[in-house]
mmCIF file of all heavy atoms, coordinates in Angstrom:
data_MODEL
# 
_entry.id   MODEL 
# 
loop_
_atom_site.group_PDB 
_atom_site.id 
_atom_site.type_symbol 
_atom_site.label_atom_id 
_atom_site.label_alt_id 
_atom_site.label_comp_id 
_atom_site.label_asym_id 
_atom_site.label_entity_id 
_atom_site.label_seq_id 
_atom_site.pdbx_PDB_ins_code 
_atom_site.Cartn_x 
_atom_site.Cartn_y 
_atom_site.Cartn_z 
_atom_site.occupancy 
_atom_site.B_iso_or_equiv 
_atom_site.pdbx_formal_charge 
_atom_site.auth_seq_id 
_atom_site.auth_comp_id 
_atom_site.auth_asym_id 
_atom_site.auth_atom_id 
_atom_site.pdbx_PDB_model_num 
ATOM 1   N N   . ARG A 1 1  ? -7.833  7.667   12.526  1.00 0.00 ? 1  ARG A N   1 
ATOM 2   C CA  . ARG A 1 1  ? -7.812  7.201   11.124  1.00 0.00 ? 1  ARG A CA  1 
ATOM 3   C C   . ARG A 1 1  ? -6.819  8.018   10.338  1.00 0.00 ? 1  ARG A C   1 
ATOM 4   O O   . ARG A 1 1  ? -6.556  9.172   10.642  1.00 0.00 ? 1  ARG A O   1 
ATOM 5   C CB  . ARG A 1 1  ? -9.192  7.363   10.495  1.00 0.00 ? 1  ARG A CB  1 
ATOM 6   C CG  . ARG A 1 1  ? -10.241 6.426   11.028  1.00 0.00 ? 1  ARG A CG  1 
ATOM 7   C CD  . ARG A 1 1  ? -11.566 6.675   10.366  1.00 0.00 ? 1  ARG A CD  1 
ATOM 8   N NE  . ARG A 1 1  ? -12.517 5.655   10.739  1.00 0.00 ? 1  ARG A NE  1 
ATOM 9   C CZ  . ARG A 1 1  ? -13.803 5.710   10.472  1.00 0.00 ? 1  ARG A CZ  1 
ATOM 10  N NH1 . ARG A 1 1  ? -14.305 6.741   9.800   1.00 0.00 ? 1  ARG A NH1 1 
ATOM 11  N NH2 . ARG A 1 1  ? -14.613 4.750   10.833  1.00 0.00 ? 1  ARG A NH2 1 
ATOM 12  N N   . THR A 1 2  ? -6.292  7.410   9.275   1.00 0.00 ? 2  THR A N   1 
ATOM 13  C CA  . THR A 1 2  ? -5.398  8.125   8.364   1.00 0.00 ? 2  THR A CA  1 
ATOM 14  C C   . THR A 1 2  ? -5.724  7.770   6.934   1.00 0.00 ? 2  THR A C   1 
ATOM 15  O O   . THR A 1 2  ? -6.310  6.714   6.634   1.00 0.00 ? 2  THR A O   1 
ATOM 16  C CB  . THR A 1 2  ? -3.917  7.826   8.670   1.00 0.00 ? 2  THR A CB  1 
ATOM 17  O OG1 . THR A 1 2  ? -3.102  8.803   7.989   1.00 0.00 ? 2  THR A OG1 1 
ATOM 18  C CG2 . THR A 1 2  ? -3.512  6.441   8.258   1.00 0.00 ? 2  THR A CG2 1 
ATOM 19  N N   . PHE A 1 3  ? -5.357  8.683   6.043   1.00 0.00 ? 3  PHE A N   1 
ATOM 20  C CA  . PHE A 1 3  ? -5.537  8.478   4.599   1.00 0.00 ? 3  PHE A CA  1 
ATOM 21  C C   . PHE A 1 3  ? -4.205  8.029   4.001   1.00 0.00 ? 3  PHE A C   1 
ATOM 22  O O   . PHE A 1 3  ? -3.160  8.654   4.258   1.00 0.00 ? 3  PHE A O   1 
ATOM 23  C CB  . PHE A 1 3  ? -6.001  9.767   3.922   1.00 0.00 ? 3  PHE A CB  1 
ATOM 24  C CG  . PHE A 1 3  ? -6.072  9.659   2.447   1.00 0.00 ? 3  PHE A CG  1 
ATOM 25  C CD1 . PHE A 1 3  ? -7.106  8.952   1.836   1.00 0.00 ? 3  PHE A CD1 1 
ATOM 26  C CD2 . PHE A 1 3  ? -5.139  10.254  1.625   1.00 0.00 ? 3  PHE A CD2 1 
ATOM 27  C CE1 . PHE A 1 3  ? -7.180  8.847   0.447   1.00 0.00 ? 3  PHE A CE1 1 
ATOM 28  C CE2 . PHE A 1 3  ? -5.205  10.179  0.241   1.00 0.00 ? 3  PHE A CE2 1 
ATOM 29  C CZ  . PHE A 1 3  ? -6.244  9.455   -0.345  1.00 0.00 ? 3  PHE A CZ  1 
ATOM 30  N N   . ILE A 1 4  ? -4.243  6.967   3.237   1.00 0.00 ? 4  ILE A N   1 
ATOM 31  C CA  . ILE A 1 4  ? -3.059  6.417   2.555   1.00 0.00 ? 4  ILE A CA  1 
ATOM 32  C C   . ILE A 1 4  ? -3.439  6.232   1.087   1.00 0.00 ? 4  ILE A C   1 
ATOM 33  O O   . ILE A 1 4  ? -4.498  5.730   0.772   1.00 0.00 ? 4  ILE A O   1 
ATOM 34  C CB  . ILE A 1 4  ? -2.638  5.056   3.141   1.00 0.00 ? 4  ILE A CB  1 
ATOM 35  C CG1 . ILE A 1 4  ? -2.300  5.168   4.637   1.00 0.00 ? 4  ILE A CG1 1 
ATOM 36  C CG2 . ILE A 1 4  ? -1.495  4.441   2.336   1.00 0.00 ? 4  ILE A CG2 1 
ATOM 37  C CD1 . ILE A 1 4  ? -1.081  5.986   4.960   1.00 0.00 ? 4  ILE A CD1 1 
ATOM 38  N N   . MET A 1 5  ? -2.546  6.664   0.196   1.00 0.00 ? 5  MET A N   1 
ATOM 39  C CA  . MET A 1 5  ? -2.789  6.481   -1.228  1.00 0.00 ? 5  MET A CA  1 
ATOM 40  C C   . MET A 1 5  ? -1.563  5.848   -1.875  1.00 0.00 ? 5  MET A C   1 
ATOM 41  O O   . MET A 1 5  ? -0.451  6.379   -1.764  1.00 0.00 ? 5  MET A O   1 
ATOM 42  C CB  . MET A 1 5  ? -3.089  7.805   -1.909  1.00 0.00 ? 5  MET A CB  1 
ATOM 43  C CG  . MET A 1 5  ? -3.241  7.678   -3.408  1.00 0.00 ? 5  MET A CG  1 
ATOM 44  S SD  . MET A 1 5  ? -3.611  9.223   -4.285  1.00 0.00 ? 5  MET A SD  1 
ATOM 45  C CE  . MET A 1 5  ? -2.587  10.412  -3.501  1.00 0.00 ? 5  MET A CE  1 
ATOM 46  N N   . ILE A 1 6  ? -1.772  4.756   -2.560  1.00 0.00 ? 6  ILE A N   1 
ATOM 47  C CA  . ILE A 1 6  ? -0.713  4.169   -3.382  1.00 0.00 ? 6  ILE A CA  1 
ATOM 48  C C   . ILE A 1 6  ? -0.771  4.926   -4.698  1.00 0.00 ? 6  ILE A C   1 
ATOM 49  O O   . ILE A 1 6  ? -1.785  4.910   -5.386  1.00 0.00 ? 6  ILE A O   1 
ATOM 50  C CB  . ILE A 1 6  ? -0.891  2.669   -3.599  1.00 0.00 ? 6  ILE A CB  1 
ATOM 51  C CG1 . ILE A 1 6  ? -0.971  1.956   -2.229  1.00 0.00 ? 6  ILE A CG1 1 
ATOM 52  C CG2 . ILE A 1 6  ? 0.258   2.095   -4.441  1.00 0.00 ? 6  ILE A CG2 1 
ATOM 53  C CD1 . ILE A 1 6  ? -1.373  0.485   -2.323  1.00 0.00 ? 6  ILE A CD1 1 
ATOM 54  N N   . LYS A 1 7  ? 0.317   5.598   -5.006  1.00 0.00 ? 7  LYS A N   1 
ATOM 55  C CA  . LYS A 1 7  ? 0.365   6.468   -6.187  1.00 0.00 ? 7  LYS A CA  1 
ATOM 56  C C   . LYS A 1 7  ? 0.512   5.651   -7.476  1.00 0.00 ? 7  LYS A C   1 
ATOM 57  O O   . LYS A 1 7  ? 0.764   4.436   -7.419  1.00 0.00 ? 7  LYS A O   1 
ATOM 58  C CB  . LYS A 1 7  ? 1.542   7.445   -6.042  1.00 0.00 ? 7  LYS A CB  1 
ATOM 59  C CG  . LYS A 1 7  ? 1.405   8.402   -4.863  1.00 0.00 ? 7  LYS A CG  1 
ATOM 60  C CD  . LYS A 1 7  ? 2.657   9.264   -4.780  1.00 0.00 ? 7  LYS A CD  1 
ATOM 61  C CE  . LYS A 1 7  ? 2.648   10.200  -3.591  1.00 0.00 ? 7  LYS A CE  1 
ATOM 62  N NZ  . LYS A 1 7  ? 3.867   11.008  -3.504  1.00 0.00 ? 7  LYS A NZ  1 
ATOM 63  N N   . PRO A 1 8  ? 0.395   6.308   -8.626  1.00 0.00 ? 8  PRO A N   1 
ATOM 64  C CA  . PRO A 1 8  ? 0.497   5.599   -9.898  1.00 0.00 ? 8  PRO A CA  1 
ATOM 65  C C   . PRO A 1 8  ? 1.737   4.713   -10.054 1.00 0.00 ? 8  PRO A C   1 
ATOM 66  O O   . PRO A 1 8  ? 1.643   3.625   -10.631 1.00 0.00 ? 8  PRO A O   1 
ATOM 67  C CB  . PRO A 1 8  ? 0.476   6.722   -10.939 1.00 0.00 ? 8  PRO A CB  1 
ATOM 68  C CG  . PRO A 1 8  ? -0.373  7.774   -10.300 1.00 0.00 ? 8  PRO A CG  1 
ATOM 69  C CD  . PRO A 1 8  ? 0.047   7.722   -8.842  1.00 0.00 ? 8  PRO A CD  1 
ATOM 70  N N   . ASP A 1 9  ? 2.889   5.155   -9.532  1.00 0.00 ? 9  ASP A N   1 
ATOM 71  C CA  . ASP A 1 9  ? 4.091   4.327   -9.682  1.00 0.00 ? 9  ASP A CA  1 
ATOM 72  C C   . ASP A 1 9  ? 3.965   3.041   -8.892  1.00 0.00 ? 9  ASP A C   1 
ATOM 73  O O   . ASP A 1 9  ? 4.406   1.967   -9.352  1.00 0.00 ? 9  ASP A O   1 
ATOM 74  C CB  . ASP A 1 9  ? 5.372   5.096   -9.284  1.00 0.00 ? 9  ASP A CB  1 
ATOM 75  C CG  . ASP A 1 9  ? 5.276   5.786   -7.936  1.00 0.00 ? 9  ASP A CG  1 
ATOM 76  O OD1 . ASP A 1 9  ? 4.179   6.255   -7.542  1.00 0.00 ? 9  ASP A OD1 1 
ATOM 77  O OD2 . ASP A 1 9  ? 6.309   5.870   -7.239  1.00 0.00 ? 9  ASP A OD2 1 
ATOM 78  N N   . GLY A 1 10 ? 3.339   3.079   -7.719  1.00 0.00 ? 10 GLY A N   1 
ATOM 79  C CA  . GLY A 1 10 ? 3.145   1.856   -6.939  1.00 0.00 ? 10 GLY A CA  1 
ATOM 80  C C   . GLY A 1 10 ? 2.175   0.896   -7.600  1.00 0.00 ? 10 GLY A C   1 
ATOM 81  O O   . GLY A 1 10 ? 2.378   -0.311  -7.595  1.00 0.00 ? 10 GLY A O   1 
ATOM 82  N N   . VAL A 1 11 ? 1.114   1.443   -8.201  1.00 0.00 ? 11 VAL A N   1 
ATOM 83  C CA  . VAL A 1 11 ? 0.145   0.628   -8.924  1.00 0.00 ? 11 VAL A CA  1 
ATOM 84  C C   . VAL A 1 11 ? 0.803   -0.005  -10.132 1.00 0.00 ? 11 VAL A C   1 
ATOM 85  O O   . VAL A 1 11 ? 0.714   -1.222  -10.362 1.00 0.00 ? 11 VAL A O   1 
ATOM 86  C CB  . VAL A 1 11 ? -1.082  1.467   -9.337  1.00 0.00 ? 11 VAL A CB  1 
ATOM 87  C CG1 . VAL A 1 11 ? -1.999  0.690   -10.277 1.00 0.00 ? 11 VAL A CG1 1 
ATOM 88  C CG2 . VAL A 1 11 ? -1.871  1.937   -8.108  1.00 0.00 ? 11 VAL A CG2 1 
ATOM 89  N N   . GLN A 1 12 ? 1.492   0.810   -10.952 1.00 0.00 ? 12 GLN A N   1 
ATOM 90  C CA  . GLN A 1 12 ? 2.133   0.314   -12.172 1.00 0.00 ? 12 GLN A CA  1 
ATOM 91  C C   . GLN A 1 12 ? 3.199   -0.744  -11.876 1.00 0.00 ? 12 GLN A C   1 
ATOM 92  O O   . GLN A 1 12 ? 3.404   -1.675  -12.658 1.00 0.00 ? 12 GLN A O   1 
ATOM 93  C CB  . GLN A 1 12 ? 2.728   1.463   -12.970 1.00 0.00 ? 12 GLN A CB  1 
ATOM 94  C CG  . GLN A 1 12 ? 1.713   2.363   -13.607 1.00 0.00 ? 12 GLN A CG  1 
ATOM 95  C CD  . GLN A 1 12 ? 0.980   1.697   -14.756 1.00 0.00 ? 12 GLN A CD  1 
ATOM 96  O OE1 . GLN A 1 12 ? 1.434   0.726   -15.343 1.00 0.00 ? 12 GLN A OE1 1 
ATOM 97  N NE2 . GLN A 1 12 ? -0.198  2.208   -15.051 1.00 0.00 ? 12 GLN A NE2 1 
ATOM 98  N N   . ARG A 1 13 ? 3.874   -0.636  -10.738 1.00 0.00 ? 13 ARG A N   1 
ATOM 99  C CA  . ARG A 1 13 ? 4.938   -1.586  -10.369 1.00 0.00 ? 13 ARG A CA  1 
ATOM 100 C C   . ARG A 1 13 ? 4.407   -2.816  -9.656  1.00 0.00 ? 13 ARG A C   1 
ATOM 101 O O   . ARG A 1 13 ? 5.182   -3.707  -9.321  1.00 0.00 ? 13 ARG A O   1 
ATOM 102 C CB  . ARG A 1 13 ? 5.986   -0.867  -9.514  1.00 0.00 ? 13 ARG A CB  1 
ATOM 103 C CG  . ARG A 1 13 ? 6.757   0.204   -10.277 1.00 0.00 ? 13 ARG A CG  1 
ATOM 104 C CD  . ARG A 1 13 ? 7.736   0.933   -9.417  1.00 0.00 ? 13 ARG A CD  1 
ATOM 105 N NE  . ARG A 1 13 ? 8.661   0.006   -8.775  1.00 0.00 ? 13 ARG A NE  1 
ATOM 106 C CZ  . ARG A 1 13 ? 9.319   0.248   -7.646  1.00 0.00 ? 13 ARG A CZ  1 
ATOM 107 N NH1 . ARG A 1 13 ? 9.169   1.436   -7.033  1.00 0.00 ? 13 ARG A NH1 1 
ATOM 108 N NH2 . ARG A 1 13 ? 10.139  -0.637  -7.135  1.00 0.00 ? 13 ARG A NH2 1 
ATOM 109 N N   . GLY A 1 14 ? 3.119   -2.900  -9.452  1.00 0.00 ? 14 GLY A N   1 
ATOM 110 C CA  . GLY A 1 14 ? 2.528   -4.086  -8.834  1.00 0.00 ? 14 GLY A CA  1 
ATOM 111 C C   . GLY A 1 14 ? 2.814   -4.212  -7.343  1.00 0.00 ? 14 GLY A C   1 
ATOM 112 O O   . GLY A 1 14 ? 2.981   -5.312  -6.833  1.00 0.00 ? 14 GLY A O   1 
ATOM 113 N N   . LEU A 1 15 ? 2.883   -3.065  -6.628  1.00 0.00 ? 15 LEU A N   1 
ATOM 114 C CA  . LEU A 1 15 ? 3.238   -3.081  -5.219  1.00 0.00 ? 15 LEU A CA  1 
ATOM 115 C C   . LEU A 1 15 ? 2.028   -2.894  -4.285  1.00 0.00 ? 15 LEU A C   1 
ATOM 116 O O   . LEU A 1 15 ? 2.220   -2.714  -3.071  1.00 0.00 ? 15 LEU A O   1 
ATOM 117 C CB  . LEU A 1 15 ? 4.276   -2.004  -4.947  1.00 0.00 ? 15 LEU A CB  1 
ATOM 118 C CG  . LEU A 1 15 ? 5.619   -2.194  -5.680  1.00 0.00 ? 15 LEU A CG  1 
ATOM 119 C CD1 . LEU A 1 15 ? 6.519   -0.982  -5.474  1.00 0.00 ? 15 LEU A CD1 1 
ATOM 120 C CD2 . LEU A 1 15 ? 6.287   -3.469  -5.197  1.00 0.00 ? 15 LEU A CD2 1 
ATOM 121 N N   . ILE A 1 16 ? 0.825   -2.968  -4.807  1.00 0.00 ? 16 ILE A N   1 
ATOM 122 C CA  . ILE A 1 16 ? -0.369  -2.784  -3.982  1.00 0.00 ? 16 ILE A CA  1 
ATOM 123 C C   . ILE A 1 16 ? -0.385  -3.761  -2.799  1.00 0.00 ? 16 ILE A C   1 
ATOM 124 O O   . ILE A 1 16 ? -0.563  -3.365  -1.646  1.00 0.00 ? 16 ILE A O   1 
ATOM 125 C CB  . ILE A 1 16 ? -1.655  -2.913  -4.820  1.00 0.00 ? 16 ILE A CB  1 
ATOM 126 C CG1 . ILE A 1 16 ? -1.716  -1.811  -5.882  1.00 0.00 ? 16 ILE A CG1 1 
ATOM 127 C CG2 . ILE A 1 16 ? -2.895  -2.897  -3.925  1.00 0.00 ? 16 ILE A CG2 1 
ATOM 128 C CD1 . ILE A 1 16 ? -2.799  -2.024  -6.924  1.00 0.00 ? 16 ILE A CD1 1 
ATOM 129 N N   . GLY A 1 17 ? -0.190  -5.024  -3.088  1.00 0.00 ? 17 GLY A N   1 
ATOM 130 C CA  . GLY A 1 17 ? -0.215  -6.033  -2.032  1.00 0.00 ? 17 GLY A CA  1 
ATOM 131 C C   . GLY A 1 17 ? 0.871   -5.826  -0.997  1.00 0.00 ? 17 GLY A C   1 
ATOM 132 O O   . GLY A 1 17 ? 0.625   -6.019  0.215   1.00 0.00 ? 17 GLY A O   1 
ATOM 133 N N   . ASP A 1 18 ? 2.058   -5.432  -1.412  1.00 0.00 ? 18 ASP A N   1 
ATOM 134 C CA  . ASP A 1 18 ? 3.163   -5.182  -0.477  1.00 0.00 ? 18 ASP A CA  1 
ATOM 135 C C   . ASP A 1 18 ? 2.814   -4.052  0.481   1.00 0.00 ? 18 ASP A C   1 
ATOM 136 O O   . ASP A 1 18 ? 3.127   -4.136  1.686   1.00 0.00 ? 18 ASP A O   1 
ATOM 137 C CB  . ASP A 1 18 ? 4.454   -4.836  -1.237  1.00 0.00 ? 18 ASP A CB  1 
ATOM 138 C CG  . ASP A 1 18 ? 4.998   -6.008  -2.020  1.00 0.00 ? 18 ASP A CG  1 
ATOM 139 O OD1 . ASP A 1 18 ? 5.378   -6.999  -1.390  1.00 0.00 ? 18 ASP A OD1 1 
ATOM 140 O OD2 . ASP A 1 18 ? 5.038   -5.908  -3.256  1.00 0.00 ? 18 ASP A OD2 1 
ATOM 141 N N   . VAL A 1 19 ? 2.202   -3.000  -0.038  1.00 0.00 ? 19 VAL A N   1 
ATOM 142 C CA  . VAL A 1 19 ? 1.848   -1.848  0.786   1.00 0.00 ? 19 VAL A CA  1 
ATOM 143 C C   . VAL A 1 19 ? 0.766   -2.263  1.805   1.00 0.00 ? 19 VAL A C   1 
ATOM 144 O O   . VAL A 1 19 ? 0.887   -2.014  2.999   1.00 0.00 ? 19 VAL A O   1 
ATOM 145 C CB  . VAL A 1 19 ? 1.361   -0.673  -0.064  1.00 0.00 ? 19 VAL A CB  1 
ATOM 146 C CG1 . VAL A 1 19 ? 0.795   0.445   0.817   1.00 0.00 ? 19 VAL A CG1 1 
ATOM 147 C CG2 . VAL A 1 19 ? 2.513   -0.125  -0.919  1.00 0.00 ? 19 VAL A CG2 1 
ATOM 148 N N   . ILE A 1 20 ? -0.273  -2.893  1.326   1.00 0.00 ? 20 ILE A N   1 
ATOM 149 C CA  . ILE A 1 20 ? -1.363  -3.302  2.207   1.00 0.00 ? 20 ILE A CA  1 
ATOM 150 C C   . ILE A 1 20 ? -0.848  -4.238  3.300   1.00 0.00 ? 20 ILE A C   1 
ATOM 151 O O   . ILE A 1 20 ? -1.199  -4.120  4.465   1.00 0.00 ? 20 ILE A O   1 
ATOM 152 C CB  . ILE A 1 20 ? -2.505  -3.948  1.391   1.00 0.00 ? 20 ILE A CB  1 
ATOM 153 C CG1 . ILE A 1 20 ? -3.192  -2.875  0.536   1.00 0.00 ? 20 ILE A CG1 1 
ATOM 154 C CG2 . ILE A 1 20 ? -3.513  -4.636  2.316   1.00 0.00 ? 20 ILE A CG2 1 
ATOM 155 C CD1 . ILE A 1 20 ? -4.175  -3.433  -0.464  1.00 0.00 ? 20 ILE A CD1 1 
ATOM 156 N N   . LYS A 1 21 ? 0.013   -5.167  2.915   1.00 0.00 ? 21 LYS A N   1 
ATOM 157 C CA  . LYS A 1 21 ? 0.537   -6.133  3.884   1.00 0.00 ? 21 LYS A CA  1 
ATOM 158 C C   . LYS A 1 21 ? 1.274   -5.443  5.036   1.00 0.00 ? 21 LYS A C   1 
ATOM 159 O O   . LYS A 1 21 ? 1.143   -5.852  6.187   1.00 0.00 ? 21 LYS A O   1 
ATOM 160 C CB  . LYS A 1 21 ? 1.476   -7.119  3.199   1.00 0.00 ? 21 LYS A CB  1 
ATOM 161 C CG  . LYS A 1 21 ? 2.078   -8.142  4.117   1.00 0.00 ? 21 LYS A CG  1 
ATOM 162 C CD  . LYS A 1 21 ? 1.992   -9.496  3.531   1.00 0.00 ? 21 LYS A CD  1 
ATOM 163 C CE  . LYS A 1 21 ? 2.562   -10.545 4.465   1.00 0.00 ? 21 LYS A CE  1 
ATOM 164 N NZ  . LYS A 1 21 ? 1.527   -11.092 5.321   1.00 0.00 ? 21 LYS A NZ  1 
ATOM 165 N N   . ARG A 1 22 ? 2.031   -4.376  4.750   1.00 0.00 ? 22 ARG A N   1 
ATOM 166 C CA  . ARG A 1 22 ? 2.753   -3.680  5.830   1.00 0.00 ? 22 ARG A CA  1 
ATOM 167 C C   . ARG A 1 22 ? 1.791   -3.142  6.872   1.00 0.00 ? 22 ARG A C   1 
ATOM 168 O O   . ARG A 1 22 ? 2.065   -3.209  8.067   1.00 0.00 ? 22 ARG A O   1 
ATOM 169 C CB  . ARG A 1 22 ? 3.595   -2.537  5.249   1.00 0.00 ? 22 ARG A CB  1 
ATOM 170 C CG  . ARG A 1 22 ? 4.681   -2.934  4.294   1.00 0.00 ? 22 ARG A CG  1 
ATOM 171 C CD  . ARG A 1 22 ? 5.946   -3.350  5.013   1.00 0.00 ? 22 ARG A CD  1 
ATOM 172 N NE  . ARG A 1 22 ? 6.960   -3.736  4.039   1.00 0.00 ? 22 ARG A NE  1 
ATOM 173 C CZ  . ARG A 1 22 ? 8.062   -3.031  3.793   1.00 0.00 ? 22 ARG A CZ  1 
ATOM 174 N NH1 . ARG A 1 22 ? 8.328   -1.935  4.462   1.00 0.00 ? 22 ARG A NH1 1 
ATOM 175 N NH2 . ARG A 1 22 ? 8.922   -3.456  2.897   1.00 0.00 ? 22 ARG A NH2 1 
ATOM 176 N N   . PHE A 1 23 ? 0.680   -2.562  6.416   1.00 0.00 ? 23 PHE A N   1 
ATOM 177 C CA  . PHE A 1 23 ? -0.285  -1.993  7.354   1.00 0.00 ? 23 PHE A CA  1 
ATOM 178 C C   . PHE A 1 23 ? -1.073  -3.075  8.096   1.00 0.00 ? 23 PHE A C   1 
ATOM 179 O O   . PHE A 1 23 ? -1.319  -2.960  9.280   1.00 0.00 ? 23 PHE A O   1 
ATOM 180 C CB  . PHE A 1 23 ? -1.219  -1.008  6.627   1.00 0.00 ? 23 PHE A CB  1 
ATOM 181 C CG  . PHE A 1 23 ? -0.521  0.270   6.260   1.00 0.00 ? 23 PHE A CG  1 
ATOM 182 C CD1 . PHE A 1 23 ? 0.088   0.407   5.025   1.00 0.00 ? 23 PHE A CD1 1 
ATOM 183 C CD2 . PHE A 1 23 ? -0.451  1.312   7.166   1.00 0.00 ? 23 PHE A CD2 1 
ATOM 184 C CE1 . PHE A 1 23 ? 0.754   1.584   4.694   1.00 0.00 ? 23 PHE A CE1 1 
ATOM 185 C CE2 . PHE A 1 23 ? 0.202   2.491   6.833   1.00 0.00 ? 23 PHE A CE2 1 
ATOM 186 C CZ  . PHE A 1 23 ? 0.827   2.623   5.586   1.00 0.00 ? 23 PHE A CZ  1 
ATOM 187 N N   . GLU A 1 24 ? -1.420  -4.142  7.379   1.00 0.00 ? 24 GLU A N   1 
ATOM 188 C CA  . GLU A 1 24 ? -2.111  -5.249  8.042   1.00 0.00 ? 24 GLU A CA  1 
ATOM 189 C C   . GLU A 1 24 ? -1.214  -5.945  9.067   1.00 0.00 ? 24 GLU A C   1 
ATOM 190 O O   . GLU A 1 24 ? -1.654  -6.225  10.189  1.00 0.00 ? 24 GLU A O   1 
ATOM 191 C CB  . GLU A 1 24 ? -2.567  -6.274  7.011   1.00 0.00 ? 24 GLU A CB  1 
ATOM 192 C CG  . GLU A 1 24 ? -3.763  -5.851  6.215   1.00 0.00 ? 24 GLU A CG  1 
ATOM 193 C CD  . GLU A 1 24 ? -4.249  -6.911  5.257   1.00 0.00 ? 24 GLU A CD  1 
ATOM 194 O OE1 . GLU A 1 24 ? -3.440  -7.651  4.684   1.00 0.00 ? 24 GLU A OE1 1 
ATOM 195 O OE2 . GLU A 1 24 ? -5.469  -6.991  5.075   1.00 0.00 ? 24 GLU A OE2 1 
ATOM 196 N N   . THR A 1 25 ? 0.026   -6.178  8.691   1.00 0.00 ? 25 THR A N   1 
ATOM 197 C CA  . THR A 1 25 ? 0.968   -6.843  9.585   1.00 0.00 ? 25 THR A CA  1 
ATOM 198 C C   . THR A 1 25 ? 1.207   -6.035  10.845  1.00 0.00 ? 25 THR A C   1 
ATOM 199 O O   . THR A 1 25 ? 1.348   -6.577  11.944  1.00 0.00 ? 25 THR A O   1 
ATOM 200 C CB  . THR A 1 25 ? 2.302   -7.106  8.853   1.00 0.00 ? 25 THR A CB  1 
ATOM 201 O OG1 . THR A 1 25 ? 2.037   -7.932  7.707   1.00 0.00 ? 25 THR A OG1 1 
ATOM 202 C CG2 . THR A 1 25 ? 3.289   -7.826  9.746   1.00 0.00 ? 25 THR A CG2 1 
ATOM 203 N N   . LYS A 1 26 ? 1.236   -4.705  10.713  1.00 0.00 ? 26 LYS A N   1 
ATOM 204 C CA  . LYS A 1 26 ? 1.415   -3.842  11.857  1.00 0.00 ? 26 LYS A CA  1 
ATOM 205 C C   . LYS A 1 26 ? 0.242   -3.949  12.838  1.00 0.00 ? 26 LYS A C   1 
ATOM 206 O O   . LYS A 1 26 ? 0.392   -3.765  14.041  1.00 0.00 ? 26 LYS A O   1 
ATOM 207 C CB  . LYS A 1 26 ? 1.602   -2.389  11.369  1.00 0.00 ? 26 LYS A CB  1 
ATOM 208 C CG  . LYS A 1 26 ? 1.779   -1.378  12.472  1.00 0.00 ? 26 LYS A CG  1 
ATOM 209 C CD  . LYS A 1 26 ? 3.124   -1.501  13.136  1.00 0.00 ? 26 LYS A CD  1 
ATOM 210 C CE  . LYS A 1 26 ? 3.353   -0.364  14.111  1.00 0.00 ? 26 LYS A CE  1 
ATOM 211 N NZ  . LYS A 1 26 ? 4.634   -0.476  14.776  1.00 0.00 ? 26 LYS A NZ  1 
ATOM 212 N N   . GLY A 1 27 ? -0.944  -4.270  12.304  1.00 0.00 ? 27 GLY A N   1 
ATOM 213 C CA  . GLY A 1 27 ? -2.113  -4.423  13.137  1.00 0.00 ? 27 GLY A CA  1 
ATOM 214 C C   . GLY A 1 27 ? -3.163  -3.368  12.939  1.00 0.00 ? 27 GLY A C   1 
ATOM 215 O O   . GLY A 1 27 ? -4.134  -3.281  13.704  1.00 0.00 ? 27 GLY A O   1 
# 
């Protein structure tokens, strides 16, 4: 397991979905 945190700049820029998608797509 690993810990991943989307920081305030990622949240404010609306990139939450983009980040999650990268990890889901990887498997």
